[in-house]
C-alpha atoms as a PDB file:
ATOM      1  CA  MET A   1     -19.889  16.936  -7.880  1.00  0.00           C
ATOM      2  CA  GLU A   2     -16.775  19.369  -6.709  1.00  0.00           C
ATOM      3  CA  ALA A   3     -18.614  21.775  -4.434  1.00  0.00           C
ATOM      4  CA  TRP A   4     -20.797  20.056  -2.008  1.00  0.00           C
ATOM      5  CA  ASP A   5     -21.902  22.161   1.160  1.00  0.00           C
ATOM      6  CA  ASP A   6     -24.942  24.631   0.611  1.00  0.00           C
ATOM      7  CA  THR A   7     -25.996  22.845  -2.492  1.00  0.00           C
ATOM      8  CA  GLU A   8     -29.325  21.309  -3.335  1.00  0.00           C
ATOM      9  CA  HIS A   9     -27.385  17.665  -3.449  1.00  0.00           C
ATOM     10  CA  HIS A  10     -26.247  18.473   0.059  1.00  0.00           C
ATOM     11  CA  ARG A  11     -29.631  19.559   1.315  1.00  0.00           C
ATOM     12  CA  ILE A  12     -31.450  16.132  -0.264  1.00  0.00           C
ATOM     13  CA  TRP A  13     -28.426  14.200   1.755  1.00  0.00           C
ATOM     14  CA  LEU A  14     -29.031  15.831   4.686  1.00  0.00           C
ATOM     15  CA  LYS A  15     -32.744  14.854   4.460  1.00  0.00           C
ATOM     16  CA  HIS A  16     -32.448  11.404   3.386  1.00  0.00           C
ATOM     17  CA  TYR A  17     -29.286   9.787   4.131  1.00  0.00           C
ATOM     18  CA  GLN A  18     -29.986   8.229   7.615  1.00  0.00           C
ATOM     19  CA  THR A  19     -33.441   7.283   6.658  1.00  0.00           C
ATOM     20  CA  ASN A  20     -34.227   6.623   2.854  1.00  0.00           C
ATOM     21  CA  MET A  21     -31.373   6.346   0.730  1.00  0.00           C
ATOM     22  CA  PRO A  22     -33.494   5.176  -2.492  1.00  0.00           C
ATOM     23  CA  ALA A  23     -35.149   8.724  -2.288  1.00  0.00           C
ATOM     24  CA  PHE A  24     -31.565  10.301  -1.832  1.00  0.00           C
ATOM     25  CA  LEU A  25     -30.645   8.525  -5.187  1.00  0.00           C
ATOM     26  CA  LYS A  26     -33.638   9.002  -7.082  1.00  0.00           C
ATOM     27  CA  ALA A  27     -33.427  12.742  -6.025  1.00  0.00           C
ATOM     28  CA  ILE A  28     -29.958  13.363  -6.967  1.00  0.00           C
ATOM     29  CA  MET A  29     -29.573  10.884 -10.600  1.00  0.00           C
ATOM     30  CA  PRO A  30     -31.598  10.016 -13.471  1.00  0.00           C
ATOM     31  CA  PRO A  31     -32.553   6.360 -13.662  1.00  0.00           C
ATOM     32  CA  THR A  32     -29.667   5.382 -16.263  1.00  0.00           C
ATOM     33  CA  ALA A  33     -27.511   7.952 -14.599  1.00  0.00           C
ATOM     34  CA  ARG A  34     -23.487   6.006 -14.227  1.00  0.00           C
ATOM     35  CA  VAL A  35     -22.353   8.113 -11.048  1.00  0.00           C
ATOM     36  CA  VAL A  36     -19.078   7.464  -8.901  1.00  0.00           C
ATOM     37  CA  PHE A  37     -19.390   8.631  -5.290  1.00  0.00           C
ATOM     38  CA  THR A  38     -15.851   8.794  -3.872  1.00  0.00           C
ATOM     39  CA  TRP A  39     -16.280   9.155   0.134  1.00  0.00           C
ATOM     40  CA  GLY A  40     -13.307   8.514   2.827  1.00  0.00           C
ATOM     41  CA  PHE A  41     -15.721   8.154   5.263  1.00  0.00           C
ATOM     42  CA  PRO A  42     -15.139   7.357   9.253  1.00  0.00           C
ATOM     43  CA  LEU A  43     -16.021   3.735   9.948  1.00  0.00           C
ATOM     44  CA  GLN A  44     -19.219   4.944  12.141  1.00  0.00           C
ATOM     45  CA  TYR A  45     -20.656   5.855   8.779  1.00  0.00           C
ATOM     46  CA  PHE A  46     -20.749   2.173   7.334  1.00  0.00           C
ATOM     47  CA  SER A  47     -24.519   1.920   7.870  1.00  0.00           C
ATOM     48  CA  ILE A  48     -24.868   4.472   5.411  1.00  0.00           C
ATOM     49  CA  VAL A  49     -22.643   2.641   3.071  1.00  0.00           C
ATOM     50  CA  SER A  50     -24.724  -0.458   3.585  1.00  0.00           C
ATOM     51  CA  GLY A  51     -27.886   1.725   2.811  1.00  0.00           C
ATOM     52  CA  LEU A  52     -26.424   2.679  -0.305  1.00  0.00           C
ATOM     53  CA  LYS A  53     -25.462  -0.812  -1.341  1.00  0.00           C
ATOM     54  CA  ASP A  54     -29.089  -1.963  -0.279  1.00  0.00           C
ATOM     55  CA  ALA A  55     -30.658   0.742  -2.423  1.00  0.00           C
ATOM     56  CA  GLY A  56     -28.540  -0.437  -5.599  1.00  0.00           C
ATOM     57  CA  VAL A  57     -25.595   1.315  -5.591  1.00  0.00           C
ATOM     58  CA  ILE A  58     -22.311  -1.292  -6.258  1.00  0.00           C
ATOM     59  CA  PRO A  59     -19.542  -0.404  -3.616  1.00  0.00           C
ATOM     60  CA  TRP A  60     -15.867  -0.487  -4.081  1.00  0.00           C
ATOM     61  CA  TRP A  61     -13.337  -0.254  -1.590  1.00  0.00           C
ATOM     62  CA  PHE A  62     -10.388   1.782  -2.341  1.00  0.00           C
ATOM     63  CA  ASP A  63      -7.477   0.081  -0.345  1.00  0.00           C
ATOM     64  CA  ALA A  64      -4.143   1.444   0.135  1.00  0.00           C
ATOM     65  CA  ASP A  65      -0.817   0.407   2.352  1.00  0.00           C
ATOM     66  CA  HIS A  66      -1.445   2.074   5.660  1.00  0.00           C
ATOM     67  CA  VAL A  67       2.224   3.178   5.688  1.00  0.00           C
ATOM     68  CA  ALA A  68       1.883   5.071   2.500  1.00  0.00           C
ATOM     69  CA  ALA A  69      -1.322   6.311   3.411  1.00  0.00           C
ATOM     70  CA  ARG A  70      -0.277   7.766   6.850  1.00  0.00           C
ATOM     71  CA  ARG A  71       2.839   9.121   4.999  1.00  0.00           C
ATOM     72  CA  ASP A  72       0.927  10.778   2.220  1.00  0.00           C
ATOM     73  CA  TRP A  73      -1.877  12.463   5.208  1.00  0.00           C
ATOM     74  CA  LEU A  74       0.877  13.634   7.028  1.00  0.00           C
ATOM     75  CA  HIS A  75       2.374  15.413   3.959  1.00  0.00           C
ATOM     76  CA  ARG A  76      -0.843  16.593   2.850  1.00  0.00           C
ATOM     77  CA  GLU A  77      -1.361  18.074   6.076  1.00  0.00           C
ATOM     78  CA  GLN A  78       1.914  19.509   7.015  1.00  0.00           C
ATOM     79  CA  GLY A  79       2.327  17.414   9.772  1.00  0.00           C
ATOM     80  CA  ARG A  80      -0.855  18.022  11.489  1.00  0.00           C
ATOM     81  CA  GLY A  81      -3.569  15.647  12.346  1.00  0.00           C
ATOM     82  CA  GLU A  82      -1.528  12.734  13.325  1.00  0.00           C
ATOM     83  CA  ASN A  83      -3.781  11.669  15.852  1.00  0.00           C
ATOM     84  CA  ILE A  84      -6.542  11.642  13.344  1.00  0.00           C
ATOM     85  CA  VAL A  85      -5.082   9.537  10.658  1.00  0.00           C
ATOM     86  CA  ASP A  86      -3.668   7.082  13.668  1.00  0.00           C
ATOM     87  CA  MET A  87      -7.130   6.455  14.684  1.00  0.00           C
ATOM     88  CA  GLN A  88      -8.783   6.082  11.337  1.00  0.00           C
ATOM     89  CA  LEU A  89      -5.792   3.260  10.390  1.00  0.00           C
ATOM     90  CA  ALA A  90      -6.646   1.771  13.834  1.00  0.00           C
ATOM     91  CA  ALA A  91     -10.068   1.857  13.198  1.00  0.00           C
ATOM     92  CA  LEU A  92      -9.486   0.249   9.594  1.00  0.00           C
ATOM     93  CA  ARG A  93      -7.365  -2.543  10.931  1.00  0.00           C
ATOM     94  CA  ASN A  94      -9.973  -3.474  13.532  1.00  0.00           C
ATOM     95  CA  ALA A  95     -12.619  -3.438  10.500  1.00  0.00           C
ATOM     96  CA  ASP A  96     -10.545  -5.672   8.219  1.00  0.00           C
ATOM     97  CA  TRP A  97     -12.967  -8.334   8.318  1.00  0.00           C
ATOM     98  CA  GLN A  98     -16.046  -6.310   8.135  1.00  0.00           C
ATOM     99  CA  ILE A  99     -14.482  -4.681   5.203  1.00  0.00           C
ATOM    100  CA  ARG A 100     -13.382  -7.760   3.224  1.00  0.00           C
ATOM    101  CA  SER A 101     -16.793  -9.294   3.684  1.00  0.00           C
ATOM    102  CA  PHE A 102     -18.932  -6.322   2.716  1.00  0.00           C
ATOM    103  CA  TYR A 103     -16.943  -5.397  -0.356  1.00  0.00           C
ATOM    104  CA  GLY A 104     -15.982  -8.881  -1.035  1.00  0.00           C
ATOM    105  CA  LYS A 105     -14.058  -8.883  -4.770  1.00  0.00           C
ATOM    106  CA  ASN A 106     -14.609  -5.084  -5.081  1.00  0.00           C
ATOM    107  CA  ILE A 107     -11.723  -4.138  -3.365  1.00  0.00           C
ATOM    108  CA  LEU A 108      -8.959  -2.282  -5.180  1.00  0.00           C
ATOM    109  CA  ARG A 109      -5.574  -1.408  -3.932  1.00  0.00           C
ATOM    110  CA  THR A 110      -5.106   2.218  -5.048  1.00  0.00           C
ATOM    111  CA  LEU A 111      -1.806   3.115  -3.275  1.00  0.00           C
ATOM    112  CA  ASP A 112       0.814   0.920  -2.798  1.00  0.00           C
ATOM    113  CA  HIS A 113       3.593   0.331  -0.328  1.00  0.00           C
ATOM    114  CA  LYS A 114       6.136   2.593  -2.500  1.00  0.00           C
ATOM    115  CA  GLY A 115       3.453   5.476  -2.627  1.00  0.00           C
ATOM    116  CA  ARG A 116       2.262   4.805  -6.201  1.00  0.00           C
ATOM    117  CA  ARG A 117      -1.093   5.840  -7.083  1.00  0.00           C
ATOM    118  CA  LEU A 118      -3.513   4.158  -9.724  1.00  0.00           C
ATOM    119  CA  THR A 119      -4.538   7.001 -11.910  1.00  0.00           C
ATOM    120  CA  PRO A 120      -8.127   7.960 -12.285  1.00  0.00           C
ATOM    121  CA  GLU A 121      -7.994   6.331 -15.920  1.00  0.00           C
ATOM    122  CA  GLN A 122      -6.632   3.061 -14.535  1.00  0.00           C
ATOM    123  CA  ILE A 123      -9.294   2.896 -11.614  1.00  0.00           C
ATOM    124  CA  ALA A 124     -11.799   3.251 -14.446  1.00  0.00           C
ATOM    125  CA  GLY A 125     -10.563   0.870 -16.346  1.00  0.00           C
ATOM    126  CA  LYS A 126     -10.525  -1.722 -13.311  1.00  0.00           C
ATOM    127  CA  LEU A 127     -13.584  -0.860 -12.505  1.00  0.00           C
ATOM    128  CA  GLN A 128     -14.769  -1.248 -16.061  1.00  0.00           C
ATOM    129  CA  ILE A 129     -16.126   2.259 -16.488  1.00  0.00           C
ATOM    130  CA  PRO A 130     -15.924   4.035 -19.620  1.00  0.00           C
ATOM    131  CA  VAL A 131     -13.965   7.570 -19.368  1.00  0.00           C
ATOM    132  CA  SER A 132     -15.519  10.384 -20.901  1.00  0.00           C
ATOM    133  CA  PRO A 133     -12.886  12.538 -23.066  1.00  0.00           C
END
């Protein structure tokens, strides 16, 4: 799902995300669907991820080396938003115990200290998700 705003899925999300995560999931996915949500969420939305987990979603945390992530962010944003990335990284450091206890073994380092990223195929392999050709 590349486009999000002004879509039917977005309207369903807005209707249900704070109150009824199972209804959201039922509305957007057939019962046998295998769907991957990727969302770099601000930590104040952790309760939403918890609601997804309670509704049956298997959550994974895609972890990154913070120095490399900061460098990538600033490069991508052409130096803008330095305070935003610094606040997010500080929040991640402060919530490290919460993240590790919530996700358990479902933490995957996707960006290492040298700036190397796992490919989508490597990530799928580590999560044991079949990749469509």
